[in-house]
């Protein structure tokens, strides 16, 4: 199942996002191998303002990458949709969400970087946009995803970048548009550089701005992402985001590892996390584990329902200028 070169750690995870206006459900099935060779399986769940980490055994995991099937416990992910059956002390999540036709990107988001060995993290976009139908029960509350919109991506490698900004939005009130943009510090050959990947689907066209295409990062912070490439200028103005200082320092990691290794229930795990969260972003922000050297020992935050303005120019012409209240955002510094 796993690649043989895992002596320094390894992770592989998928991100299935489902949105129906003010209802958001994301599931992150994944596997990771620590440097001492221990293998772990998990599903992380984001359900509006709550997040959960559900560990599983390797015996409960089946992955067929050729047929695009992931089965962890009683939950199955396919190209046609997902069947969810998750039970823990804090969460009961059941239901089916069916997927319409995927909207893939034209070629790998990594460009030629996909073929460079020893990259810390490799990224894939599976679908920028697809229709949803069906509903789920979240702790006995019915959530309807009919006429909703889905998104799927994947990451694999050793660790998430030490610093990065990731923004995704494909839910707009007035126009059809899908945007994914990420700017990250990329280590390579004992050095590092600031890399960028960005794909926009709008009006039946794909616009791509990326390091391997010569993009220039004009500005990238918690207020604006501004990219320039050839004749194109792309601006994302982050209009509504809790800018409480969040240094994402990896303090108390020993405590996190102890909590995870003891396989405590979600209530205990959540309490352990909250001890180090007093000064971090909390409003509609979700605590998630992220990989570091193959171990899910790092804490990041992902925020949803961010208000952003998206503007794409071609020279002096505005291709679009639209606002969404439903952007998702991670800022890790």
C-alpha atoms as a PDB file:
ATOM      1  CA  UNK A   1       0.000   0.000   0.000  1.00  0.00           C
ATOM      2  CA  UNK A   2       2.708   2.460   1.004  1.00  0.00           C
ATOM      3  CA  UNK A   3       5.827   3.397  -0.839  1.00  0.00           C
ATOM      4  CA  UNK A   4       8.979   1.665   0.289  1.00  0.00           C
ATOM      5  CA  UNK A   5      10.945   4.885   0.855  1.00  0.00           C
ATOM      6  CA  UNK A   6       9.319   5.779   4.191  1.00  0.00           C
ATOM      7  CA  UNK A   7      12.342   5.642   6.506  1.00  0.00           C
ATOM      8  CA  UNK A   8      12.102   9.421   7.059  1.00  0.00           C
ATOM      9  CA  UNK A   9       8.329   9.327   7.464  1.00  0.00           C
ATOM     10  CA  UNK A  10       5.487   9.530   4.987  1.00  0.00           C
ATOM     11  CA  UNK A  11       1.929  10.809   4.752  1.00  0.00           C
ATOM     12  CA  UNK A  12      -0.870  10.669   2.208  1.00  0.00           C
ATOM     13  CA  UNK A  13      -4.178  12.433   2.686  1.00  0.00           C
ATOM     14  CA  UNK A  14      -7.257  13.458   0.717  1.00  0.00           C
ATOM     15  CA  UNK A  15      -9.463  16.498   1.303  1.00  0.00           C
ATOM     16  CA  UNK A  16     -13.160  16.112   0.435  1.00  0.00           C
ATOM     17  CA  UNK A  17     -15.005  19.406   0.890  1.00  0.00           C
ATOM     18  CA  UNK A  18     -18.802  19.696   0.686  1.00  0.00           C
ATOM     19  CA  UNK A  19     -20.600  23.021   0.884  1.00  0.00           C
ATOM     20  CA  UNK A  20     -24.235  24.052   0.733  1.00  0.00           C
ATOM     21  CA  UNK A  21     -24.352  27.735   1.482  1.00  0.00           C
ATOM     22  CA  UNK A  22     -23.841  28.030   5.253  1.00  0.00           C
ATOM     23  CA  UNK A  23     -23.346  24.284   5.765  1.00  0.00           C
ATOM     24  CA  UNK A  24     -19.838  22.915   5.325  1.00  0.00           C
ATOM     25  CA  UNK A  25     -18.572  19.384   5.786  1.00  0.00           C
ATOM     26  CA  UNK A  26     -15.001  18.337   5.024  1.00  0.00           C
ATOM     27  CA  UNK A  27     -13.583  14.860   5.491  1.00  0.00           C
ATOM     28  CA  UNK A  28      -9.852  14.159   5.426  1.00  0.00           C
ATOM     29  CA  UNK A  29      -9.009  10.452   5.232  1.00  0.00           C
ATOM     30  CA  UNK A  30      -5.312   9.725   5.481  1.00  0.00           C
ATOM     31  CA  UNK A  31      -2.455   7.436   6.368  1.00  0.00           C
ATOM     32  CA  UNK A  32       0.933   8.254   7.851  1.00  0.00           C
ATOM     33  CA  UNK A  33       4.106   6.407   8.721  1.00  0.00           C
ATOM     34  CA  UNK A  34       6.391   7.726  11.451  1.00  0.00           C
ATOM     35  CA  UNK A  35      10.191   7.548  11.276  1.00  0.00           C
ATOM     36  CA  UNK A  36      10.168   4.522  13.571  1.00  0.00           C
ATOM     37  CA  UNK A  37       7.956   2.692  11.077  1.00  0.00           C
ATOM     38  CA  UNK A  38       4.626   2.884  12.897  1.00  0.00           C
ATOM     39  CA  UNK A  39       1.666   3.087  10.517  1.00  0.00           C
ATOM     40  CA  UNK A  40      -1.513   4.982  11.366  1.00  0.00           C
ATOM     41  CA  UNK A  41      -4.871   5.606   9.684  1.00  0.00           C
ATOM     42  CA  UNK A  42      -7.310   8.403  10.472  1.00  0.00           C
ATOM     43  CA  UNK A  43     -10.251  10.503   9.334  1.00  0.00           C
ATOM     44  CA  UNK A  44     -10.414  14.168  10.293  1.00  0.00           C
ATOM     45  CA  UNK A  45     -13.796  15.849  10.059  1.00  0.00           C
ATOM     46  CA  UNK A  46     -14.797  19.501   9.899  1.00  0.00           C
ATOM     47  CA  UNK A  47     -18.504  20.133  10.448  1.00  0.00           C
ATOM     48  CA  UNK A  48     -19.137  23.882  10.489  1.00  0.00           C
ATOM     49  CA  UNK A  49     -17.599  25.112  13.767  1.00  0.00           C
ATOM     50  CA  UNK A  50     -16.547  21.682  15.067  1.00  0.00           C
ATOM     51  CA  UNK A  51     -13.625  19.435  14.152  1.00  0.00           C
ATOM     52  CA  UNK A  52     -12.821  15.843  15.064  1.00  0.00           C
ATOM     53  CA  UNK A  53      -9.935  13.390  14.727  1.00  0.00           C
ATOM     54  CA  UNK A  54     -10.929   9.716  14.443  1.00  0.00           C
ATOM     55  CA  UNK A  55      -8.053   7.178  14.558  1.00  0.00           C
ATOM     56  CA  UNK A  56      -8.402   3.761  12.902  1.00  0.00           C
ATOM     57  CA  UNK A  57      -6.283   0.633  12.637  1.00  0.00           C
ATOM     58  CA  UNK A  58      -4.487  -0.406   9.454  1.00  0.00           C
ATOM     59  CA  UNK A  59      -6.822  -3.407   9.273  1.00  0.00           C
ATOM     60  CA  UNK A  60      -9.730  -1.016   8.760  1.00  0.00           C
ATOM     61  CA  UNK A  61      -8.094   0.669   5.758  1.00  0.00           C
ATOM     62  CA  UNK A  62      -8.417  -0.205   2.062  1.00  0.00           C
ATOM     63  CA  UNK A  63      -7.089   2.076  -0.690  1.00  0.00           C
ATOM     64  CA  UNK A  64      -7.303   1.397  -4.427  1.00  0.00           C
ATOM     65  CA  UNK A  65      -5.646   4.346  -6.160  1.00  0.00           C
ATOM     66  CA  UNK A  66      -6.347   3.008  -9.669  1.00  0.00           C
ATOM     67  CA  UNK A  67     -10.105   2.811  -9.046  1.00  0.00           C
ATOM     68  CA  UNK A  68     -10.088   5.840  -6.710  1.00  0.00           C
ATOM     69  CA  UNK A  69     -11.576   4.001  -3.754  1.00  0.00           C
ATOM     70  CA  UNK A  70     -10.734   4.786  -0.136  1.00  0.00           C
ATOM     71  CA  UNK A  71     -12.367   2.818   2.655  1.00  0.00           C
ATOM     72  CA  UNK A  72     -11.599   3.545   6.296  1.00  0.00           C
ATOM     73  CA  UNK A  73     -13.768   1.809   8.837  1.00  0.00           C
ATOM     74  CA  UNK A  74     -17.358   1.953   7.584  1.00  0.00           C
ATOM     75  CA  UNK A  75     -16.823   5.085   5.490  1.00  0.00           C
ATOM     76  CA  UNK A  76     -16.149   4.817   1.744  1.00  0.00           C
ATOM     77  CA  UNK A  77     -14.951   7.510  -0.669  1.00  0.00           C
ATOM     78  CA  UNK A  78     -15.319   7.071  -4.461  1.00  0.00           C
ATOM     79  CA  UNK A  79     -15.605   9.232  -7.565  1.00  0.00           C
ATOM     80  CA  UNK A  80     -19.380   8.832  -7.422  1.00  0.00           C
ATOM     81  CA  UNK A  81     -19.714   9.989  -3.836  1.00  0.00           C
ATOM     82  CA  UNK A  82     -19.195   9.044  -0.218  1.00  0.00           C
ATOM     83  CA  UNK A  83     -21.020   6.771   2.193  1.00  0.00           C
ATOM     84  CA  UNK A  84     -20.364   7.910   5.759  1.00  0.00           C
ATOM     85  CA  UNK A  85     -20.775   5.907   8.943  1.00  0.00           C
ATOM     86  CA  UNK A  86     -18.640   7.311  11.764  1.00  0.00           C
ATOM     87  CA  UNK A  87     -19.208   6.810  15.476  1.00  0.00           C
ATOM     88  CA  UNK A  88     -17.165   8.145  18.370  1.00  0.00           C
ATOM     89  CA  UNK A  89     -17.803   9.500  21.858  1.00  0.00           C
ATOM     90  CA  UNK A  90     -18.245  13.007  20.443  1.00  0.00           C
ATOM     91  CA  UNK A  91     -19.584  12.415  16.938  1.00  0.00           C
ATOM     92  CA  UNK A  92     -22.156  10.334  15.128  1.00  0.00           C
ATOM     93  CA  UNK A  93     -22.001  11.064  11.403  1.00  0.00           C
ATOM     94  CA  UNK A  94     -24.027   9.079   8.889  1.00  0.00           C
ATOM     95  CA  UNK A  95     -25.322   9.585   5.370  1.00  0.00           C
ATOM     96  CA  UNK A  96     -24.606   9.597   1.661  1.00  0.00           C
ATOM     97  CA  UNK A  97     -23.490  12.425  -0.592  1.00  0.00           C
ATOM     98  CA  UNK A  98     -23.500  11.784  -4.333  1.00  0.00           C
ATOM     99  CA  UNK A  99     -21.148  13.574  -6.727  1.00  0.00           C
ATOM    100  CA  UNK A 100     -21.818  14.948 -10.192  1.00  0.00           C
ATOM    101  CA  UNK A 101     -19.184  15.092 -12.931  1.00  0.00           C
ATOM    102  CA  UNK A 102     -15.761  16.253 -11.764  1.00  0.00           C
ATOM    103  CA  UNK A 103     -14.167  19.445 -13.070  1.00  0.00           C
ATOM    104  CA  UNK A 104     -10.465  18.505 -13.229  1.00  0.00           C
ATOM    105  CA  UNK A 105      -7.576  20.805 -14.058  1.00  0.00           C
ATOM    106  CA  UNK A 106      -5.816  20.490 -17.424  1.00  0.00           C
ATOM    107  CA  UNK A 107      -2.570  19.036 -16.055  1.00  0.00           C
ATOM    108  CA  UNK A 108      -0.861  18.443 -12.736  1.00  0.00           C
ATOM    109  CA  UNK A 109      -0.909  21.444 -10.407  1.00  0.00           C
ATOM    110  CA  UNK A 110       2.768  20.784  -9.527  1.00  0.00           C
ATOM    111  CA  UNK A 111       4.016  21.202 -13.095  1.00  0.00           C
ATOM    112  CA  UNK A 112       7.535  19.815 -13.523  1.00  0.00           C
ATOM    113  CA  UNK A 113       7.996  19.913  -9.732  1.00  0.00           C
ATOM    114  CA  UNK A 114       5.925  16.729  -9.606  1.00  0.00           C
ATOM    115  CA  UNK A 115       8.877  14.848 -11.100  1.00  0.00           C
ATOM    116  CA  UNK A 116      11.576  16.322  -8.849  1.00  0.00           C
ATOM    117  CA  UNK A 117      12.602  13.882  -6.097  1.00  0.00           C
ATOM    118  CA  UNK A 118      12.794  14.725  -2.406  1.00  0.00           C
ATOM    119  CA  UNK A 119      10.059  17.371  -2.508  1.00  0.00           C
ATOM    120  CA  UNK A 120       8.714  17.860   1.022  1.00  0.00           C
ATOM    121  CA  UNK A 121       5.066  17.850  -0.071  1.00  0.00           C
ATOM    122  CA  UNK A 122       3.344  17.133  -3.384  1.00  0.00           C
ATOM    123  CA  UNK A 123      -0.131  18.388  -4.167  1.00  0.00           C
ATOM    124  CA  UNK A 124      -2.879  17.242  -6.518  1.00  0.00           C
ATOM    125  CA  UNK A 125      -6.202  18.797  -7.523  1.00  0.00           C
ATOM    126  CA  UNK A 126      -8.774  16.104  -8.254  1.00  0.00           C
ATOM    127  CA  UNK A 127     -11.878  18.234  -8.842  1.00  0.00           C
ATOM    128  CA  UNK A 128     -12.277  22.009  -8.754  1.00  0.00           C
ATOM    129  CA  UNK A 129     -16.055  21.752  -8.721  1.00  0.00           C
ATOM    130  CA  UNK A 130     -18.791  19.128  -8.814  1.00  0.00           C
ATOM    131  CA  UNK A 131     -22.468  19.085  -7.938  1.00  0.00           C
ATOM    132  CA  UNK A 132     -23.660  17.448  -4.722  1.00  0.00           C
ATOM    133  CA  UNK A 133     -26.854  15.698  -3.710  1.00  0.00           C
ATOM    134  CA  UNK A 134     -27.873  13.850  -0.574  1.00  0.00           C
ATOM    135  CA  UNK A 135     -27.845  14.523   3.141  1.00  0.00           C
ATOM    136  CA  UNK A 136     -26.110  13.499   6.342  1.00  0.00           C
ATOM    137  CA  UNK A 137     -26.961  13.295  10.018  1.00  0.00           C
ATOM    138  CA  UNK A 138     -24.468  15.066  12.270  1.00  0.00           C
ATOM    139  CA  UNK A 139     -25.241  14.154  15.872  1.00  0.00           C
ATOM    140  CA  UNK A 140     -28.899  13.650  14.864  1.00  0.00           C
ATOM    141  CA  UNK A 141     -29.069  16.977  13.024  1.00  0.00           C
ATOM    142  CA  UNK A 142     -29.977  16.587   9.346  1.00  0.00           C
ATOM    143  CA  UNK A 143     -27.827  18.567   6.914  1.00  0.00           C
ATOM    144  CA  UNK A 144     -28.965  18.731   3.293  1.00  0.00           C
ATOM    145  CA  UNK A 145     -26.355  18.996   0.537  1.00  0.00           C
ATOM    146  CA  UNK A 146     -28.720  19.002  -2.449  1.00  0.00           C
ATOM    147  CA  UNK A 147     -27.564  21.638  -4.952  1.00  0.00           C
ATOM    148  CA  UNK A 148     -24.326  21.950  -3.028  1.00  0.00           C
ATOM    149  CA  UNK A 149     -20.792  22.155  -4.445  1.00  0.00           C
ATOM    150  CA  UNK A 150     -17.852  19.844  -3.841  1.00  0.00           C
ATOM    151  CA  UNK A 151     -14.058  20.050  -4.100  1.00  0.00           C
ATOM    152  CA  UNK A 152     -11.332  17.383  -3.788  1.00  0.00           C
ATOM    153  CA  UNK A 153      -7.553  17.661  -3.431  1.00  0.00           C
ATOM    154  CA  UNK A 154      -4.724  15.454  -2.213  1.00  0.00           C
ATOM    155  CA  UNK A 155      -1.338  15.860  -0.490  1.00  0.00           C
ATOM    156  CA  UNK A 156       1.461  13.387   0.030  1.00  0.00           C
ATOM    157  CA  UNK A 157       5.077  13.436   1.106  1.00  0.00           C
ATOM    158  CA  UNK A 158       6.977  14.033   4.316  1.00  0.00           C
ATOM    159  CA  UNK A 159       5.674  17.250   5.927  1.00  0.00           C
ATOM    160  CA  UNK A 160       3.478  20.246   5.272  1.00  0.00           C
ATOM    161  CA  UNK A 161       5.490  23.392   4.494  1.00  0.00           C
ATOM    162  CA  UNK A 162       6.813  25.208   7.549  1.00  0.00           C
ATOM    163  CA  UNK A 163       4.909  28.339   6.443  1.00  0.00           C
ATOM    164  CA  UNK A 164       2.154  28.686   3.895  1.00  0.00           C
ATOM    165  CA  UNK A 165      -1.108  30.335   2.930  1.00  0.00           C
ATOM    166  CA  UNK A 166      -3.858  28.257   1.311  1.00  0.00           C
ATOM    167  CA  UNK A 167      -7.134  29.663   0.067  1.00  0.00           C
ATOM    168  CA  UNK A 168      -9.996  27.888  -1.667  1.00  0.00           C
ATOM    169  CA  UNK A 169     -13.396  29.071  -2.869  1.00  0.00           C
ATOM    170  CA  UNK A 170     -15.880  27.643  -5.356  1.00  0.00           C
ATOM    171  CA  UNK A 171     -19.125  28.915  -3.817  1.00  0.00           C
ATOM    172  CA  UNK A 172     -20.273  32.261  -5.224  1.00  0.00           C
ATOM    173  CA  UNK A 173     -23.776  33.707  -5.095  1.00  0.00           C
ATOM    174  CA  UNK A 174     -23.825  35.390  -8.507  1.00  0.00           C
ATOM    175  CA  UNK A 175     -21.328  33.686 -10.837  1.00  0.00           C
ATOM    176  CA  UNK A 176     -19.738  30.277 -11.347  1.00  0.00           C
ATOM    177  CA  UNK A 177     -16.080  30.416 -10.363  1.00  0.00           C
ATOM    178  CA  UNK A 178     -13.558  28.110  -8.664  1.00  0.00           C
ATOM    179  CA  UNK A 179     -10.290  29.284  -7.132  1.00  0.00           C
ATOM    180  CA  UNK A 180      -7.439  27.506  -5.380  1.00  0.00           C
ATOM    181  CA  UNK A 181      -4.272  29.378  -4.450  1.00  0.00           C
ATOM    182  CA  UNK A 182      -1.358  28.428  -2.233  1.00  0.00           C
ATOM    183  CA  UNK A 183       1.879  30.237  -1.430  1.00  0.00           C
ATOM    184  CA  UNK A 184       4.413  28.278   0.606  1.00  0.00           C
ATOM    185  CA  UNK A 185       8.009  28.175   1.774  1.00  0.00           C
ATOM    186  CA  UNK A 186       9.504  25.226  -0.100  1.00  0.00           C
ATOM    187  CA  UNK A 187      12.771  23.635   1.124  1.00  0.00           C
ATOM    188  CA  UNK A 188      14.974  22.148  -1.555  1.00  0.00           C
ATOM    189  CA  UNK A 189      18.680  21.279  -1.752  1.00  0.00           C
ATOM    190  CA  UNK A 190      19.479  22.826   1.671  1.00  0.00           C
ATOM    191  CA  UNK A 191      17.833  26.068   0.607  1.00  0.00           C
ATOM    192  CA  UNK A 192      14.259  27.306   0.367  1.00  0.00           C
ATOM    193  CA  UNK A 193      12.163  29.401  -1.968  1.00  0.00           C
ATOM    194  CA  UNK A 194       8.650  30.859  -1.965  1.00  0.00           C
ATOM    195  CA  UNK A 195       6.532  28.780  -4.311  1.00  0.00           C
ATOM    196  CA  UNK A 196       3.066  29.462  -5.647  1.00  0.00           C
ATOM    197  CA  UNK A 197       0.330  27.398  -7.266  1.00  0.00           C
ATOM    198  CA  UNK A 198      -2.970  28.926  -8.368  1.00  0.00           C
ATOM    199  CA  UNK A 199      -5.762  27.685 -10.622  1.00  0.00           C
ATOM    200  CA  UNK A 200      -8.919  29.571 -11.550  1.00  0.00           C
ATOM    201  CA  UNK A 201     -11.855  28.122 -13.490  1.00  0.00           C
ATOM    202  CA  UNK A 202     -14.124  30.842 -14.815  1.00  0.00           C
ATOM    203  CA  UNK A 203     -16.263  31.247 -17.912  1.00  0.00           C
ATOM    204  CA  UNK A 204     -15.275  27.862 -19.293  1.00  0.00           C
ATOM    205  CA  UNK A 205     -11.549  28.720 -19.151  1.00  0.00           C
ATOM    206  CA  UNK A 206      -8.678  27.726 -16.906  1.00  0.00           C
ATOM    207  CA  UNK A 207      -6.284  30.398 -15.709  1.00  0.00           C
ATOM    208  CA  UNK A 208      -3.108  29.196 -14.032  1.00  0.00           C
ATOM    209  CA  UNK A 209      -0.433  31.162 -12.194  1.00  0.00           C
ATOM    210  CA  UNK A 210       2.485  29.217 -10.777  1.00  0.00           C
ATOM    211  CA  UNK A 211       6.168  29.342  -9.949  1.00  0.00           C
ATOM    212  CA  UNK A 212       6.978  27.047 -12.863  1.00  0.00           C
ATOM    213  CA  UNK A 213       5.165  29.510 -15.179  1.00  0.00           C
ATOM    214  CA  UNK A 214       7.011  32.569 -13.896  1.00  0.00           C
ATOM    215  CA  UNK A 215       4.501  34.032 -11.458  1.00  0.00           C
ATOM    216  CA  UNK A 216       5.605  36.936  -9.250  1.00  0.00           C
ATOM    217  CA  UNK A 217       4.209  37.113  -5.720  1.00  0.00           C
ATOM    218  CA  UNK A 218       3.538  40.833  -5.271  1.00  0.00           C
ATOM    219  CA  UNK A 219       1.910  40.528  -1.855  1.00  0.00           C
ATOM    220  CA  UNK A 220       0.884  37.657   0.376  1.00  0.00           C
ATOM    221  CA  UNK A 221      -0.402  38.193   3.922  1.00  0.00           C
ATOM    222  CA  UNK A 222      -3.595  37.915   5.964  1.00  0.00           C
ATOM    223  CA  UNK A 223      -5.119  40.881   4.092  1.00  0.00           C
ATOM    224  CA  UNK A 224      -4.268  40.237   0.442  1.00  0.00           C
ATOM    225  CA  UNK A 225      -2.772  37.772  -1.999  1.00  0.00           C
ATOM    226  CA  UNK A 226      -1.593  39.481  -5.187  1.00  0.00           C
ATOM    227  CA  UNK A 227      -0.005  37.569  -8.074  1.00  0.00           C
ATOM    228  CA  UNK A 228       1.380  38.802 -11.407  1.00  0.00           C
ATOM    229  CA  UNK A 229       2.161  36.588 -14.374  1.00  0.00           C
ATOM    230  CA  UNK A 230       2.613  37.938 -17.891  1.00  0.00           C
ATOM    231  CA  UNK A 231      -0.524  39.864 -18.860  1.00  0.00           C
ATOM    232  CA  UNK A 232      -2.473  38.604 -15.848  1.00  0.00           C
ATOM    233  CA  UNK A 233      -2.856  40.146 -12.398  1.00  0.00           C
ATOM    234  CA  UNK A 234      -4.857  38.289  -9.726  1.00  0.00           C
ATOM    235  CA  UNK A 235      -5.884  39.826  -6.414  1.00  0.00           C
ATOM    236  CA  UNK A 236      -7.615  38.210  -3.465  1.00  0.00           C
ATOM    237  CA  UNK A 237      -8.664  40.721  -0.818  1.00  0.00           C
ATOM    238  CA  UNK A 238      -9.382  38.979   2.490  1.00  0.00           C
ATOM    239  CA  UNK A 239     -12.151  41.202   3.810  1.00  0.00           C
ATOM    240  CA  UNK A 240     -13.251  39.301   6.881  1.00  0.00           C
ATOM    241  CA  UNK A 241     -10.741  37.240   8.817  1.00  0.00           C
ATOM    242  CA  UNK A 242      -9.855  37.143  12.504  1.00  0.00           C
ATOM    243  CA  UNK A 243      -6.307  38.486  12.415  1.00  0.00           C
ATOM    244  CA  UNK A 244      -5.522  37.563  16.012  1.00  0.00           C
ATOM    245  CA  UNK A 245      -1.813  36.854  16.045  1.00  0.00           C
ATOM    246  CA  UNK A 246      -1.346  33.174  15.307  1.00  0.00           C
ATOM    247  CA  UNK A 247       2.285  32.218  15.131  1.00  0.00           C
ATOM    248  CA  UNK A 248       1.444  28.518  14.877  1.00  0.00           C
ATOM    249  CA  UNK A 249       4.348  27.748  17.201  1.00  0.00           C
ATOM    250  CA  UNK A 250       4.646  24.051  17.810  1.00  0.00           C
ATOM    251  CA  UNK A 251       4.615  24.233  21.600  1.00  0.00           C
ATOM    252  CA  UNK A 252       3.591  21.346  23.819  1.00  0.00           C
ATOM    253  CA  UNK A 253       4.069  18.826  20.994  1.00  0.00           C
ATOM    254  CA  UNK A 254       5.049  16.215  23.561  1.00  0.00           C
ATOM    255  CA  UNK A 255       1.627  16.611  25.124  1.00  0.00           C
ATOM    256  CA  UNK A 256      -0.093  16.248  21.746  1.00  0.00           C
ATOM    257  CA  UNK A 257       1.901  13.116  20.973  1.00  0.00           C
ATOM    258  CA  UNK A 258       1.013  11.630  24.351  1.00  0.00           C
ATOM    259  CA  UNK A 259      -2.653  12.324  23.760  1.00  0.00           C
ATOM    260  CA  UNK A 260      -2.578  10.752  20.315  1.00  0.00           C
ATOM    261  CA  UNK A 261      -0.434   7.768  21.225  1.00  0.00           C
ATOM    262  CA  UNK A 262      -2.751   6.885  24.095  1.00  0.00           C
ATOM    263  CA  UNK A 263      -5.682   6.874  21.630  1.00  0.00           C
ATOM    264  CA  UNK A 264      -7.886   8.986  23.862  1.00  0.00           C
ATOM    265  CA  UNK A 265     -11.414   9.778  22.856  1.00  0.00           C
ATOM    266  CA  UNK A 266     -12.249  13.027  21.068  1.00  0.00           C
ATOM    267  CA  UNK A 267     -13.366  14.834  24.197  1.00  0.00           C
ATOM    268  CA  UNK A 268     -10.013  14.216  25.885  1.00  0.00           C
ATOM    269  CA  UNK A 269      -8.119  15.037  22.705  1.00  0.00           C
ATOM    270  CA  UNK A 270     -10.017  18.292  22.289  1.00  0.00           C
ATOM    271  CA  UNK A 271      -9.328  19.287  25.876  1.00  0.00           C
ATOM    272  CA  UNK A 272      -5.638  18.621  25.389  1.00  0.00           C
ATOM    273  CA  UNK A 273      -5.542  20.803  22.320  1.00  0.00           C
ATOM    274  CA  UNK A 274      -7.396  23.666  23.969  1.00  0.00           C
ATOM    275  CA  UNK A 275      -4.660  24.018  26.587  1.00  0.00           C
ATOM    276  CA  UNK A 276      -2.345  25.537  23.968  1.00  0.00           C
ATOM    277  CA  UNK A 277      -4.940  27.449  21.986  1.00  0.00           C
ATOM    278  CA  UNK A 278      -5.742  30.453  24.141  1.00  0.00           C
ATOM    279  CA  UNK A 279      -4.083  33.015  21.854  1.00  0.00           C
ATOM    280  CA  UNK A 280      -4.901  31.426  18.519  1.00  0.00           C
ATOM    281  CA  UNK A 281      -7.687  32.043  16.031  1.00  0.00           C
ATOM    282  CA  UNK A 282     -10.893  30.561  17.419  1.00  0.00           C
ATOM    283  CA  UNK A 283     -13.828  32.163  15.615  1.00  0.00           C
ATOM    284  CA  UNK A 284     -15.088  29.606  13.057  1.00  0.00           C
ATOM    285  CA  UNK A 285     -11.593  28.180  13.027  1.00  0.00           C
ATOM    286  CA  UNK A 286     -10.921  24.472  13.051  1.00  0.00           C
ATOM    287  CA  UNK A 287      -8.090  22.689  14.802  1.00  0.00           C
ATOM    288  CA  UNK A 288      -6.491  20.090  12.541  1.00  0.00           C
ATOM    289  CA  UNK A 289      -3.498  17.796  12.810  1.00  0.00           C
ATOM    290  CA  UNK A 290      -0.925  18.111  10.042  1.00  0.00           C
ATOM    291  CA  UNK A 291       2.109  15.966   9.157  1.00  0.00           C
ATOM    292  CA  UNK A 292       5.656  16.635  10.259  1.00  0.00           C
ATOM    293  CA  UNK A 293       8.224  14.019   9.247  1.00  0.00           C
ATOM    294  CA  UNK A 294       5.377  11.580   8.693  1.00  0.00           C
ATOM    295  CA  UNK A 295       3.860  12.050  12.145  1.00  0.00           C
ATOM    296  CA  UNK A 296       0.574  13.917  12.626  1.00  0.00           C
ATOM    297  CA  UNK A 297       2.120  15.946  15.453  1.00  0.00           C
ATOM    298  CA  UNK A 298       1.647  19.476  14.157  1.00  0.00           C
ATOM    299  CA  UNK A 299      -1.314  21.744  14.865  1.00  0.00           C
ATOM    300  CA  UNK A 300      -2.759  24.029  12.185  1.00  0.00           C
ATOM    301  CA  UNK A 301      -5.994  26.001  11.891  1.00  0.00           C
ATOM    302  CA  UNK A 302      -8.384  26.139   8.958  1.00  0.00           C
ATOM    303  CA  UNK A 303     -11.046  28.805   8.759  1.00  0.00           C
ATOM    304  CA  UNK A 304     -14.235  28.726   6.701  1.00  0.00           C
ATOM    305  CA  UNK A 305     -16.883  31.261   5.673  1.00  0.00           C
ATOM    306  CA  UNK A 306     -14.283  33.973   5.103  1.00  0.00           C
ATOM    307  CA  UNK A 307     -15.422  36.967   3.069  1.00  0.00           C
ATOM    308  CA  UNK A 308     -13.065  37.578   0.139  1.00  0.00           C
ATOM    309  CA  UNK A 309     -13.047  39.660  -3.025  1.00  0.00           C
ATOM    310  CA  UNK A 310     -11.515  38.097  -6.134  1.00  0.00           C
ATOM    311  CA  UNK A 311     -10.321  40.229  -9.056  1.00  0.00           C
ATOM    312  CA  UNK A 312      -8.642  38.925 -12.212  1.00  0.00           C
ATOM    313  CA  UNK A 313      -7.183  41.366 -14.737  1.00  0.00           C
ATOM    314  CA  UNK A 314      -5.774  40.839 -18.201  1.00  0.00           C
ATOM    315  CA  UNK A 315      -3.698  43.941 -18.751  1.00  0.00           C
ATOM    316  CA  UNK A 316      -6.169  46.799 -18.070  1.00  0.00           C
ATOM    317  CA  UNK A 317      -9.279  44.675 -18.602  1.00  0.00           C
ATOM    318  CA  UNK A 318     -11.179  43.154 -15.676  1.00  0.00           C
ATOM    319  CA  UNK A 319     -12.106  39.531 -16.399  1.00  0.00           C
ATOM    320  CA  UNK A 320     -14.086  39.266 -13.162  1.00  0.00           C
ATOM    321  CA  UNK A 321     -14.555  41.081  -9.864  1.00  0.00           C
ATOM    322  CA  UNK A 322     -16.674  39.033  -7.457  1.00  0.00           C
ATOM    323  CA  UNK A 323     -17.146  38.564  -3.723  1.00  0.00           C
ATOM    324  CA  UNK A 324     -17.844  35.394  -1.776  1.00  0.00           C
ATOM    325  CA  UNK A 325     -18.661  34.891   1.886  1.00  0.00           C
ATOM    326  CA  UNK A 326     -17.693  31.214   1.700  1.00  0.00           C
ATOM    327  CA  UNK A 327     -13.922  31.055   1.220  1.00  0.00           C
ATOM    328  CA  UNK A 328     -11.749  28.605   3.164  1.00  0.00           C
ATOM    329  CA  UNK A 329      -8.370  29.737   4.437  1.00  0.00           C
ATOM    330  CA  UNK A 330      -5.272  28.486   6.219  1.00  0.00           C
ATOM    331  CA  UNK A 331      -2.532  30.892   7.280  1.00  0.00           C
ATOM    332  CA  UNK A 332       0.461  29.180   8.867  1.00  0.00           C
ATOM    333  CA  UNK A 333       3.450  31.373   9.746  1.00  0.00           C
END
